[in-house]
């Protein structure tokens, strides 16, 4: 179930400010306030979806395509395509998801260590 009071819902309602990197009619990308790398950007769709499965199962095809094309736009804007980056999404309790709104992390700007 979607939590209307999660931090990303509040950001989308402009109740909490964020440092926007890129925004379009379907998506918002902004700097993480607790970065895990020199570059750490969060990307969220601008509609209610709890996790990746919810996003893929319930979003219109146009919104899914837009989200993934927006990731590429952000990568180009940050100029990280040549040195590399990591895209992460966490889903559910076992996957380490902390905010119940589908989102991705883009990490870059330094050598990213191996996952355990």
PDB file of N, CA and C in Angstrom:
ATOM      1  N   UNK A   1       0.836  -1.185   0.000  1.00  0.00           N
ATOM      2  CA  UNK A   1       0.000   0.000   0.000  1.00  0.00           C
ATOM      3  C   UNK A   1       0.883   1.252   0.000  1.00  0.00           C
ATOM      4  N   UNK A   2       0.481   2.238  -0.734  1.00  0.00           N
ATOM      5  CA  UNK A   2       1.239   3.477  -0.852  1.00  0.00           C
ATOM      6  C   UNK A   2       1.037   4.348   0.392  1.00  0.00           C
ATOM      7  N   UNK A   3       2.137   4.869   0.936  1.00  0.00           N
ATOM      8  CA  UNK A   3       2.110   5.756   2.096  1.00  0.00           C
ATOM      9  C   UNK A   3       2.169   7.201   1.612  1.00  0.00           C
ATOM     10  N   UNK A   4       1.072   7.915   1.723  1.00  0.00           N
ATOM     11  CA  UNK A   4       0.977   9.307   1.268  1.00  0.00           C
ATOM     12  C   UNK A   4       1.945  10.236   1.998  1.00  0.00           C
ATOM     13  N   UNK A   5       2.472   9.814   3.142  1.00  0.00           N
ATOM     14  CA  UNK A   5       3.361  10.657   3.931  1.00  0.00           C
ATOM     15  C   UNK A   5       4.822  10.279   3.810  1.00  0.00           C
ATOM     16  N   UNK A   6       5.170   9.440   2.828  1.00  0.00           N
ATOM     17  CA  UNK A   6       6.586   9.130   2.652  1.00  0.00           C
ATOM     18  C   UNK A   6       7.310  10.380   2.158  1.00  0.00           C
ATOM     19  N   UNK A   7       8.617  10.420   2.360  1.00  0.00           N
ATOM     20  CA  UNK A   7       9.391  11.623   2.055  1.00  0.00           C
ATOM     21  C   UNK A   7       9.319  12.024   0.585  1.00  0.00           C
ATOM     22  N   UNK A   8       9.257  11.061  -0.324  1.00  0.00           N
ATOM     23  CA  UNK A   8       9.199  11.411  -1.747  1.00  0.00           C
ATOM     24  C   UNK A   8       7.830  11.998  -2.112  1.00  0.00           C
ATOM     25  N   UNK A   9       6.775  11.514  -1.493  1.00  0.00           N
ATOM     26  CA  UNK A   9       5.450  12.098  -1.707  1.00  0.00           C
ATOM     27  C   UNK A   9       5.449  13.552  -1.232  1.00  0.00           C
ATOM     28  N   UNK A  10       6.105  13.803  -0.105  1.00  0.00           N
ATOM     29  CA  UNK A  10       6.198  15.173   0.418  1.00  0.00           C
ATOM     30  C   UNK A  10       7.027  16.061  -0.501  1.00  0.00           C
ATOM     31  N   UNK A  11       8.093  15.520  -1.061  1.00  0.00           N
ATOM     32  CA  UNK A  11       8.895  16.281  -2.026  1.00  0.00           C
ATOM     33  C   UNK A  11       8.054  16.613  -3.249  1.00  0.00           C
ATOM     34  N   UNK A  12       7.311  15.646  -3.755  1.00  0.00           N
ATOM     35  CA  UNK A  12       6.462  15.884  -4.925  1.00  0.00           C
ATOM     36  C   UNK A  12       5.372  16.917  -4.658  1.00  0.00           C
ATOM     37  N   UNK A  13       4.933  17.020  -3.403  1.00  0.00           N
ATOM     38  CA  UNK A  13       3.921  18.026  -3.033  1.00  0.00           C
ATOM     39  C   UNK A  13       4.568  19.357  -2.634  1.00  0.00           C
ATOM     40  N   UNK A  14       5.891  19.460  -2.792  1.00  0.00           N
ATOM     41  CA  UNK A  14       6.645  20.669  -2.427  1.00  0.00           C
ATOM     42  C   UNK A  14       6.569  20.999  -0.944  1.00  0.00           C
ATOM     43  N   UNK A  15       6.369  19.991  -0.114  1.00  0.00           N
ATOM     44  CA  UNK A  15       6.380  20.185   1.333  1.00  0.00           C
ATOM     45  C   UNK A  15       7.798  20.118   1.875  1.00  0.00           C
ATOM     46  N   UNK A  16       8.669  19.447   1.152  1.00  0.00           N
ATOM     47  CA  UNK A  16      10.085  19.327   1.497  1.00  0.00           C
ATOM     48  C   UNK A  16      10.872  19.733   0.265  1.00  0.00           C
ATOM     49  N   UNK A  17      11.857  20.644   0.423  1.00  0.00           N
ATOM     50  CA  UNK A  17      12.642  21.061  -0.740  1.00  0.00           C
ATOM     51  C   UNK A  17      13.648  19.991  -1.160  1.00  0.00           C
ATOM     52  N   UNK A  18      14.078  20.084  -2.404  1.00  0.00           N
ATOM     53  CA  UNK A  18      15.135  19.205  -2.901  1.00  0.00           C
ATOM     54  C   UNK A  18      15.984  19.982  -3.898  1.00  0.00           C
ATOM     55  N   UNK A  19      17.178  19.474  -4.141  1.00  0.00           N
ATOM     56  CA  UNK A  19      18.102  20.082  -5.098  1.00  0.00           C
ATOM     57  C   UNK A  19      17.910  19.365  -6.436  1.00  0.00           C
ATOM     58  N   UNK A  20      17.091  19.949  -7.291  1.00  0.00           N
ATOM     59  CA  UNK A  20      16.680  19.303  -8.542  1.00  0.00           C
ATOM     60  C   UNK A  20      17.825  19.270  -9.554  1.00  0.00           C
ATOM     61  N   UNK A  21      18.021  18.098 -10.130  1.00  0.00           N
ATOM     62  CA  UNK A  21      18.976  17.895 -11.226  1.00  0.00           C
ATOM     63  C   UNK A  21      18.240  17.926 -12.562  1.00  0.00           C
ATOM     64  N   UNK A  22      17.064  17.289 -12.592  1.00  0.00           N
ATOM     65  CA  UNK A  22      16.273  17.213 -13.822  1.00  0.00           C
ATOM     66  C   UNK A  22      14.819  16.959 -13.445  1.00  0.00           C
ATOM     67  N   UNK A  23      13.919  17.576 -14.207  1.00  0.00           N
ATOM     68  CA  UNK A  23      12.493  17.347 -13.981  1.00  0.00           C
ATOM     69  C   UNK A  23      11.760  17.459 -15.305  1.00  0.00           C
ATOM     70  N   UNK A  24      10.776  16.578 -15.489  1.00  0.00           N
ATOM     71  CA  UNK A  24       9.862  16.686 -16.621  1.00  0.00           C
ATOM     72  C   UNK A  24       8.460  16.378 -16.102  1.00  0.00           C
ATOM     73  N   UNK A  25       7.506  16.221 -16.986  1.00  0.00           N
ATOM     74  CA  UNK A  25       6.126  16.066 -16.516  1.00  0.00           C
ATOM     75  C   UNK A  25       5.864  14.757 -15.774  1.00  0.00           C
ATOM     76  N   UNK A  26       6.702  13.745 -15.986  1.00  0.00           N
ATOM     77  CA  UNK A  26       6.486  12.450 -15.338  1.00  0.00           C
ATOM     78  C   UNK A  26       7.490  12.111 -14.242  1.00  0.00           C
ATOM     79  N   UNK A  27       8.652  12.789 -14.204  1.00  0.00           N
ATOM     80  CA  UNK A  27       9.767  12.345 -13.371  1.00  0.00           C
ATOM     81  C   UNK A  27      10.481  13.495 -12.680  1.00  0.00           C
ATOM     82  N   UNK A  28      11.145  13.165 -11.567  1.00  0.00           N
ATOM     83  CA  UNK A  28      11.946  14.124 -10.830  1.00  0.00           C
ATOM     84  C   UNK A  28      13.240  13.454 -10.394  1.00  0.00           C
ATOM     85  N   UNK A  29      14.357  14.115 -10.654  1.00  0.00           N
ATOM     86  CA  UNK A  29      15.682  13.642 -10.247  1.00  0.00           C
ATOM     87  C   UNK A  29      16.332  14.729  -9.406  1.00  0.00           C
ATOM     88  N   UNK A  30      16.881  14.338  -8.258  1.00  0.00           N
ATOM     89  CA  UNK A  30      17.447  15.317  -7.331  1.00  0.00           C
ATOM     90  C   UNK A  30      18.593  14.698  -6.542  1.00  0.00           C
ATOM     91  N   UNK A  31      19.409  15.573  -5.945  1.00  0.00           N
ATOM     92  CA  UNK A  31      20.559  15.108  -5.166  1.00  0.00           C
ATOM     93  C   UNK A  31      20.085  14.437  -3.882  1.00  0.00           C
ATOM     94  N   UNK A  32      20.742  13.334  -3.540  1.00  0.00           N
ATOM     95  CA  UNK A  32      20.464  12.638  -2.287  1.00  0.00           C
ATOM     96  C   UNK A  32      21.035  13.468  -1.138  1.00  0.00           C
ATOM     97  N   UNK A  33      20.277  13.628  -0.051  1.00  0.00           N
ATOM     98  CA  UNK A  33      20.762  14.423   1.079  1.00  0.00           C
ATOM     99  C   UNK A  33      21.772  13.658   1.939  1.00  0.00           C
ATOM    100  N   UNK A  34      21.897  12.359   1.701  1.00  0.00           N
ATOM    101  CA  UNK A  34      22.870  11.527   2.416  1.00  0.00           C
ATOM    102  C   UNK A  34      23.666  10.737   1.379  1.00  0.00           C
ATOM    103  N   UNK A  35      24.508  11.426   0.600  1.00  0.00           N
ATOM    104  CA  UNK A  35      25.165  10.766  -0.534  1.00  0.00           C
ATOM    105  C   UNK A  35      26.101   9.629  -0.131  1.00  0.00           C
ATOM    106  N   UNK A  36      26.059   8.573  -0.941  1.00  0.00           N
ATOM    107  CA  UNK A  36      26.914   7.409  -0.745  1.00  0.00           C
ATOM    108  C   UNK A  36      28.080   7.394  -1.728  1.00  0.00           C
ATOM    109  N   UNK A  37      28.175   8.439  -2.552  1.00  0.00           N
ATOM    110  CA  UNK A  37      29.267   8.605  -3.514  1.00  0.00           C
ATOM    111  C   UNK A  37      29.368  10.100  -3.818  1.00  0.00           C
ATOM    112  N   UNK A  38      30.415  10.500  -4.517  1.00  0.00           N
ATOM    113  CA  UNK A  38      30.588  11.920  -4.852  1.00  0.00           C
ATOM    114  C   UNK A  38      29.381  12.453  -5.605  1.00  0.00           C
ATOM    115  N   UNK A  39      28.832  11.644  -6.489  1.00  0.00           N
ATOM    116  CA  UNK A  39      27.586  11.978  -7.169  1.00  0.00           C
ATOM    117  C   UNK A  39      26.562  10.936  -6.744  1.00  0.00           C
ATOM    118  N   UNK A  40      25.461  11.408  -6.192  1.00  0.00           N
ATOM    119  CA  UNK A  40      24.386  10.500  -5.770  1.00  0.00           C
ATOM    120  C   UNK A  40      23.060  11.200  -6.045  1.00  0.00           C
ATOM    121  N   UNK A  41      22.380  10.727  -7.070  1.00  0.00           N
ATOM    122  CA  UNK A  41      21.113  11.311  -7.511  1.00  0.00           C
ATOM    123  C   UNK A  41      20.008  10.282  -7.335  1.00  0.00           C
ATOM    124  N   UNK A  42      18.862  10.756  -6.878  1.00  0.00           N
ATOM    125  CA  UNK A  42      17.667   9.921  -6.776  1.00  0.00           C
ATOM    126  C   UNK A  42      16.721  10.288  -7.907  1.00  0.00           C
ATOM    127  N   UNK A  43      16.082   9.286  -8.480  1.00  0.00           N
ATOM    128  CA  UNK A  43      15.087   9.507  -9.524  1.00  0.00           C
ATOM    129  C   UNK A  43      13.774   8.873  -9.122  1.00  0.00           C
ATOM    130  N   UNK A  44      12.688   9.653  -9.219  1.00  0.00           N
ATOM    131  CA  UNK A  44      11.376   9.144  -8.836  1.00  0.00           C
ATOM    132  C   UNK A  44      10.336   9.499  -9.900  1.00  0.00           C
ATOM    133  N   UNK A  45       9.402   8.591 -10.136  1.00  0.00           N
ATOM    134  CA  UNK A  45       8.262   8.953 -10.976  1.00  0.00           C
ATOM    135  C   UNK A  45       7.323   9.856 -10.168  1.00  0.00           C
ATOM    136  N   UNK A  46       6.586  10.703 -10.856  1.00  0.00           N
ATOM    137  CA  UNK A  46       5.703  11.669 -10.194  1.00  0.00           C
ATOM    138  C   UNK A  46       4.293  11.127  -9.987  1.00  0.00           C
ATOM    139  N   UNK A  47       4.190   9.863  -9.702  1.00  0.00           N
ATOM    140  CA  UNK A  47       2.881   9.285  -9.393  1.00  0.00           C
ATOM    141  C   UNK A  47       3.074   8.188  -8.369  1.00  0.00           C
ATOM    142  N   UNK A  48       1.999   7.774  -7.755  1.00  0.00           N
ATOM    143  CA  UNK A  48       2.053   6.791  -6.675  1.00  0.00           C
ATOM    144  C   UNK A  48       2.429   5.419  -7.199  1.00  0.00           C
ATOM    145  N   UNK A  49       3.555   4.916  -6.738  1.00  0.00           N
ATOM    146  CA  UNK A  49       3.958   3.530  -7.013  1.00  0.00           C
ATOM    147  C   UNK A  49       4.931   3.142  -5.916  1.00  0.00           C
ATOM    148  N   UNK A  50       4.695   2.015  -5.312  1.00  0.00           N
ATOM    149  CA  UNK A  50       5.442   1.600  -4.127  1.00  0.00           C
ATOM    150  C   UNK A  50       6.846   1.103  -4.455  1.00  0.00           C
ATOM    151  N   UNK A  51       6.954   0.255  -5.471  1.00  0.00           N
ATOM    152  CA  UNK A  51       8.246  -0.360  -5.772  1.00  0.00           C
ATOM    153  C   UNK A  51       8.320  -0.667  -7.269  1.00  0.00           C
ATOM    154  N   UNK A  52       9.403  -1.316  -7.674  1.00  0.00           N
ATOM    155  CA  UNK A  52       9.604  -1.602  -9.095  1.00  0.00           C
ATOM    156  C   UNK A  52       8.444  -2.403  -9.692  1.00  0.00           C
ATOM    157  N   UNK A  53       8.003  -3.429  -8.974  1.00  0.00           N
ATOM    158  CA  UNK A  53       6.910  -4.267  -9.479  1.00  0.00           C
ATOM    159  C   UNK A  53       5.637  -3.444  -9.668  1.00  0.00           C
ATOM    160  N   UNK A  54       5.315  -2.631  -8.697  1.00  0.00           N
ATOM    161  CA  UNK A  54       4.142  -1.765  -8.790  1.00  0.00           C
ATOM    162  C   UNK A  54       4.286  -0.813  -9.975  1.00  0.00           C
ATOM    163  N   UNK A  55       5.465  -0.229 -10.137  1.00  0.00           N
ATOM    164  CA  UNK A  55       5.738   0.691 -11.245  1.00  0.00           C
ATOM    165  C   UNK A  55       5.521   0.010 -12.591  1.00  0.00           C
ATOM    166  N   UNK A  56       6.144  -1.122 -12.803  1.00  0.00           N
ATOM    167  CA  UNK A  56       6.065  -1.821 -14.090  1.00  0.00           C
ATOM    168  C   UNK A  56       4.668  -2.383 -14.352  1.00  0.00           C
ATOM    169  N   UNK A  57       4.029  -2.894 -13.317  1.00  0.00           N
ATOM    170  CA  UNK A  57       2.699  -3.488 -13.497  1.00  0.00           C
ATOM    171  C   UNK A  57       1.587  -2.462 -13.712  1.00  0.00           C
ATOM    172  N   UNK A  58       1.751  -1.259 -13.157  1.00  0.00           N
ATOM    173  CA  UNK A  58       0.628  -0.324 -13.161  1.00  0.00           C
ATOM    174  C   UNK A  58       0.846   0.978 -13.918  1.00  0.00           C
ATOM    175  N   UNK A  59       2.067   1.308 -14.238  1.00  0.00           N
ATOM    176  CA  UNK A  59       2.318   2.550 -14.978  1.00  0.00           C
ATOM    177  C   UNK A  59       1.986   2.358 -16.453  1.00  0.00           C
ATOM    178  N   UNK A  60       1.540   3.427 -17.066  1.00  0.00           N
ATOM    179  CA  UNK A  60       1.319   3.405 -18.510  1.00  0.00           C
ATOM    180  C   UNK A  60       2.675   3.278 -19.197  1.00  0.00           C
ATOM    181  N   UNK A  61       2.674   2.636 -20.344  1.00  0.00           N
ATOM    182  CA  UNK A  61       3.921   2.407 -21.082  1.00  0.00           C
ATOM    183  C   UNK A  61       4.680   3.714 -21.316  1.00  0.00           C
ATOM    184  N   UNK A  62       3.974   4.778 -21.628  1.00  0.00           N
ATOM    185  CA  UNK A  62       4.612   6.079 -21.868  1.00  0.00           C
ATOM    186  C   UNK A  62       5.414   6.540 -20.646  1.00  0.00           C
ATOM    187  N   UNK A  63       4.887   6.289 -19.451  1.00  0.00           N
ATOM    188  CA  UNK A  63       5.574   6.706 -18.224  1.00  0.00           C
ATOM    189  C   UNK A  63       6.793   5.836 -17.933  1.00  0.00           C
ATOM    190  N   UNK A  64       6.701   4.562 -18.221  1.00  0.00           N
ATOM    191  CA  UNK A  64       7.844   3.664 -18.021  1.00  0.00           C
ATOM    192  C   UNK A  64       8.976   4.056 -18.961  1.00  0.00           C
ATOM    193  N   UNK A  65       8.660   4.238 -20.224  1.00  0.00           N
ATOM    194  CA  UNK A  65       9.668   4.634 -21.212  1.00  0.00           C
ATOM    195  C   UNK A  65      10.268   5.981 -20.823  1.00  0.00           C
ATOM    196  N   UNK A  66       9.436   6.916 -20.447  1.00  0.00           N
ATOM    197  CA  UNK A  66       9.898   8.248 -20.053  1.00  0.00           C
ATOM    198  C   UNK A  66      10.868   8.172 -18.881  1.00  0.00           C
ATOM    199  N   UNK A  67      10.556   7.336 -17.890  1.00  0.00           N
ATOM    200  CA  UNK A  67      11.417   7.231 -16.710  1.00  0.00           C
ATOM    201  C   UNK A  67      12.813   6.762 -17.104  1.00  0.00           C
ATOM    202  N   UNK A  68      12.886   5.705 -17.881  1.00  0.00           N
ATOM    203  CA  UNK A  68      14.197   5.173 -18.240  1.00  0.00           C
ATOM    204  C   UNK A  68      14.949   6.080 -19.211  1.00  0.00           C
ATOM    205  N   UNK A  69      14.252   6.776 -20.083  1.00  0.00           N
ATOM    206  CA  UNK A  69      14.922   7.763 -20.944  1.00  0.00           C
ATOM    207  C   UNK A  69      15.412   8.947 -20.122  1.00  0.00           C
ATOM    208  N   UNK A  70      14.680   9.292 -19.073  1.00  0.00           N
ATOM    209  CA  UNK A  70      15.108  10.379 -18.194  1.00  0.00           C
ATOM    210  C   UNK A  70      16.392  10.014 -17.448  1.00  0.00           C
ATOM    211  N   UNK A  71      16.550   8.749 -17.102  1.00  0.00           N
ATOM    212  CA  UNK A  71      17.798   8.315 -16.469  1.00  0.00           C
ATOM    213  C   UNK A  71      18.962   8.616 -17.408  1.00  0.00           C
ATOM    214  N   UNK A  72      18.817   8.277 -18.670  1.00  0.00           N
ATOM    215  CA  UNK A  72      19.866   8.548 -19.659  1.00  0.00           C
ATOM    216  C   UNK A  72      20.120  10.056 -19.779  1.00  0.00           C
ATOM    217  N   UNK A  73      19.069  10.858 -19.758  1.00  0.00           N
ATOM    218  CA  UNK A  73      19.214  12.310 -19.818  1.00  0.00           C
ATOM    219  C   UNK A  73      20.037  12.819 -18.632  1.00  0.00           C
ATOM    220  N   UNK A  74      19.748  12.309 -17.448  1.00  0.00           N
ATOM    221  CA  UNK A  74      20.481  12.726 -16.243  1.00  0.00           C
ATOM    222  C   UNK A  74      21.943  12.298 -16.334  1.00  0.00           C
ATOM    223  N   UNK A  75      22.193  11.086 -16.787  1.00  0.00           N
ATOM    224  CA  UNK A  75      23.570  10.602 -16.950  1.00  0.00           C
ATOM    225  C   UNK A  75      24.336  11.525 -17.895  1.00  0.00           C
ATOM    226  N   UNK A  76      23.711  11.912 -18.988  1.00  0.00           N
ATOM    227  CA  UNK A  76      24.357  12.832 -19.932  1.00  0.00           C
ATOM    228  C   UNK A  76      24.567  14.203 -19.302  1.00  0.00           C
ATOM    229  N   UNK A  77      23.577  14.692 -18.589  1.00  0.00           N
ATOM    230  CA  UNK A  77      23.669  16.008 -17.955  1.00  0.00           C
ATOM    231  C   UNK A  77      24.806  16.047 -16.931  1.00  0.00           C
ATOM    232  N   UNK A  78      24.982  14.954 -16.197  1.00  0.00           N
ATOM    233  CA  UNK A  78      26.041  14.868 -15.191  1.00  0.00           C
ATOM    234  C   UNK A  78      27.415  14.565 -15.804  1.00  0.00           C
ATOM    235  N   UNK A  79      27.410  14.214 -17.090  1.00  0.00           N
ATOM    236  CA  UNK A  79      28.643  13.878 -17.820  1.00  0.00           C
ATOM    237  C   UNK A  79      29.410  12.729 -17.164  1.00  0.00           C
ATOM    238  N   UNK A  80      28.668  11.687 -16.821  1.00  0.00           N
ATOM    239  CA  UNK A  80      29.275  10.520 -16.175  1.00  0.00           C
ATOM    240  C   UNK A  80      29.282   9.296 -17.072  1.00  0.00           C
ATOM    241  N   UNK A  81      28.784   9.445 -18.306  1.00  0.00           N
ATOM    242  CA  UNK A  81      28.665   8.284 -19.194  1.00  0.00           C
ATOM    243  C   UNK A  81      30.015   7.662 -19.535  1.00  0.00           C
ATOM    244  N   UNK A  82      31.085   8.434 -19.598  1.00  0.00           N
ATOM    245  CA  UNK A  82      32.380   7.881 -20.006  1.00  0.00           C
ATOM    246  C   UNK A  82      33.123   7.190 -18.867  1.00  0.00           C
ATOM    247  N   UNK A  83      33.061   7.741 -17.660  1.00  0.00           N
ATOM    248  CA  UNK A  83      33.789   7.145 -16.532  1.00  0.00           C
ATOM    249  C   UNK A  83      33.000   6.064 -15.815  1.00  0.00           C
ATOM    250  N   UNK A  84      31.691   6.064 -15.981  1.00  0.00           N
ATOM    251  CA  UNK A  84      30.875   5.008 -15.395  1.00  0.00           C
ATOM    252  C   UNK A  84      30.006   5.471 -14.245  1.00  0.00           C
ATOM    253  N   UNK A  85      29.074   4.615 -13.902  1.00  0.00           N
ATOM    254  CA  UNK A  85      28.084   4.909 -12.875  1.00  0.00           C
ATOM    255  C   UNK A  85      27.432   3.606 -12.460  1.00  0.00           C
ATOM    256  N   UNK A  86      26.688   3.676 -11.371  1.00  0.00           N
ATOM    257  CA  UNK A  86      25.903   2.524 -10.922  1.00  0.00           C
ATOM    258  C   UNK A  86      24.468   2.995 -10.746  1.00  0.00           C
ATOM    259  N   UNK A  87      23.530   2.198 -11.241  1.00  0.00           N
ATOM    260  CA  UNK A  87      22.104   2.464 -11.048  1.00  0.00           C
ATOM    261  C   UNK A  87      21.582   1.366 -10.127  1.00  0.00           C
ATOM    262  N   UNK A  88      20.931   1.784  -9.047  1.00  0.00           N
ATOM    263  CA  UNK A  88      20.427   0.836  -8.050  1.00  0.00           C
ATOM    264  C   UNK A  88      18.963   1.131  -7.767  1.00  0.00           C
ATOM    265  N   UNK A  89      18.195   0.080  -7.604  1.00  0.00           N
ATOM    266  CA  UNK A  89      16.862   0.221  -7.029  1.00  0.00           C
ATOM    267  C   UNK A  89      16.700  -0.881  -5.991  1.00  0.00           C
ATOM    268  N   UNK A  90      16.145  -0.521  -4.869  1.00  0.00           N
ATOM    269  CA  UNK A  90      15.883  -1.478  -3.807  1.00  0.00           C
ATOM    270  C   UNK A  90      14.383  -1.722  -3.770  1.00  0.00           C
ATOM    271  N   UNK A  91      13.993  -2.968  -3.580  1.00  0.00           N
ATOM    272  CA  UNK A  91      12.572  -3.294  -3.593  1.00  0.00           C
ATOM    273  C   UNK A  91      12.228  -4.195  -2.416  1.00  0.00           C
ATOM    274  N   UNK A  92      11.315  -3.742  -1.584  1.00  0.00           N
ATOM    275  CA  UNK A  92      10.841  -4.534  -0.453  1.00  0.00           C
ATOM    276  C   UNK A  92      11.809  -4.577   0.714  1.00  0.00           C
ATOM    277  N   UNK A  93      11.367  -5.198   1.762  1.00  0.00           N
ATOM    278  CA  UNK A  93      12.147  -5.275   3.005  1.00  0.00           C
ATOM    279  C   UNK A  93      13.477  -5.980   2.780  1.00  0.00           C
ATOM    280  N   UNK A  94      13.450  -7.150   2.157  1.00  0.00           N
ATOM    281  CA  UNK A  94      14.692  -7.892   1.942  1.00  0.00           C
ATOM    282  C   UNK A  94      15.616  -7.191   0.955  1.00  0.00           C
ATOM    283  N   UNK A  95      15.063  -6.378   0.091  1.00  0.00           N
ATOM    284  CA  UNK A  95      15.867  -5.634  -0.874  1.00  0.00           C
ATOM    285  C   UNK A  95      16.431  -4.336  -0.324  1.00  0.00           C
ATOM    286  N   UNK A  96      16.085  -3.989   0.914  1.00  0.00           N
ATOM    287  CA  UNK A  96      16.629  -2.792   1.546  1.00  0.00           C
ATOM    288  C   UNK A  96      15.897  -1.506   1.208  1.00  0.00           C
ATOM    289  N   UNK A  97      14.669  -1.598   0.700  1.00  0.00           N
ATOM    290  CA  UNK A  97      13.920  -0.387   0.363  1.00  0.00           C
ATOM    291  C   UNK A  97      13.505   0.328   1.643  1.00  0.00           C
ATOM    292  N   UNK A  98      13.882   1.612   1.746  1.00  0.00           N
ATOM    293  CA  UNK A  98      13.559   2.394   2.940  1.00  0.00           C
ATOM    294  C   UNK A  98      12.364   3.316   2.738  1.00  0.00           C
ATOM    295  N   UNK A  99      12.161   3.787   1.512  1.00  0.00           N
ATOM    296  CA  UNK A  99      11.042   4.691   1.222  1.00  0.00           C
ATOM    297  C   UNK A  99      10.073   3.967   0.292  1.00  0.00           C
ATOM    298  N   UNK A 100       8.805   3.865   0.685  1.00  0.00           N
ATOM    299  CA  UNK A 100       7.840   3.117  -0.130  1.00  0.00           C
ATOM    300  C   UNK A 100       7.289   3.918  -1.314  1.00  0.00           C
ATOM    301  N   UNK A 101       8.196   4.415  -2.118  1.00  0.00           N
ATOM    302  CA  UNK A 101       7.879   5.066  -3.395  1.00  0.00           C
ATOM    303  C   UNK A 101       8.995   4.625  -4.338  1.00  0.00           C
ATOM    304  N   UNK A 102       8.645   4.023  -5.471  1.00  0.00           N
ATOM    305  CA  UNK A 102       9.664   3.516  -6.388  1.00  0.00           C
ATOM    306  C   UNK A 102      10.674   4.616  -6.710  1.00  0.00           C
ATOM    307  N   UNK A 103      11.952   4.262  -6.628  1.00  0.00           N
ATOM    308  CA  UNK A 103      13.016   5.209  -6.938  1.00  0.00           C
ATOM    309  C   UNK A 103      14.287   4.471  -7.334  1.00  0.00           C
ATOM    310  N   UNK A 104      15.144   5.198  -8.038  1.00  0.00           N
ATOM    311  CA  UNK A 104      16.453   4.658  -8.396  1.00  0.00           C
ATOM    312  C   UNK A 104      17.517   5.596  -7.835  1.00  0.00           C
ATOM    313  N   UNK A 105      18.685   5.013  -7.624  1.00  0.00           N
ATOM    314  CA  UNK A 105      19.865   5.770  -7.209  1.00  0.00           C
ATOM    315  C   UNK A 105      20.849   5.731  -8.372  1.00  0.00           C
ATOM    316  N   UNK A 106      21.439   6.862  -8.689  1.00  0.00           N
ATOM    317  CA  UNK A 106      22.545   6.925  -9.636  1.00  0.00           C
ATOM    318  C   UNK A 106      23.766   7.344  -8.829  1.00  0.00           C
ATOM    319  N   UNK A 107      24.766   6.464  -8.776  1.00  0.00           N
ATOM    320  CA  UNK A 107      26.004   6.734  -8.044  1.00  0.00           C
ATOM    321  C   UNK A 107      27.147   6.863  -9.037  1.00  0.00           C
ATOM    322  N   UNK A 108      28.006   7.859  -8.830  1.00  0.00           N
ATOM    323  CA  UNK A 108      29.118   8.084  -9.757  1.00  0.00           C
ATOM    324  C   UNK A 108      30.114   9.062  -9.137  1.00  0.00           C
ATOM    325  N   UNK A 109      31.106   9.430  -9.945  1.00  0.00           N
ATOM    326  CA  UNK A 109      32.070  10.432  -9.538  1.00  0.00           C
ATOM    327  C   UNK A 109      33.299   9.877  -8.850  1.00  0.00           C
ATOM    328  N   UNK A 110      33.316   8.581  -8.634  1.00  0.00           N
ATOM    329  CA  UNK A 110      34.442   7.893  -8.013  1.00  0.00           C
ATOM    330  C   UNK A 110      34.276   6.401  -8.255  1.00  0.00           C
ATOM    331  N   UNK A 111      35.317   5.630  -7.977  1.00  0.00           N
ATOM    332  CA  UNK A 111      35.217   4.183  -8.120  1.00  0.00           C
ATOM    333  C   UNK A 111      34.231   3.670  -7.081  1.00  0.00           C
ATOM    334  N   UNK A 112      33.225   3.001  -7.546  1.00  0.00           N
ATOM    335  CA  UNK A 112      32.194   2.450  -6.664  1.00  0.00           C
ATOM    336  C   UNK A 112      32.607   1.024  -6.297  1.00  0.00           C
ATOM    337  N   UNK A 113      32.635   0.742  -4.993  1.00  0.00           N
ATOM    338  CA  UNK A 113      33.062  -0.573  -4.530  1.00  0.00           C
ATOM    339  C   UNK A 113      32.112  -1.686  -4.897  1.00  0.00           C
ATOM    340  N   UNK A 114      32.586  -2.891  -4.707  1.00  0.00           N
ATOM    341  CA  UNK A 114      31.767  -4.072  -4.994  1.00  0.00           C
ATOM    342  C   UNK A 114      30.655  -4.209  -3.976  1.00  0.00           C
ATOM    343  N   UNK A 115      29.553  -4.750  -4.413  1.00  0.00           N
ATOM    344  CA  UNK A 115      28.489  -5.101  -3.486  1.00  0.00           C
ATOM    345  C   UNK A 115      28.866  -6.411  -2.827  1.00  0.00           C
ATOM    346  N   UNK A 116      28.487  -6.593  -1.606  1.00  0.00           N
ATOM    347  CA  UNK A 116      28.845  -7.848  -0.930  1.00  0.00           C
ATOM    348  C   UNK A 116      27.945  -8.963  -1.306  1.00  0.00           C
TER     349      UNK A 116
END
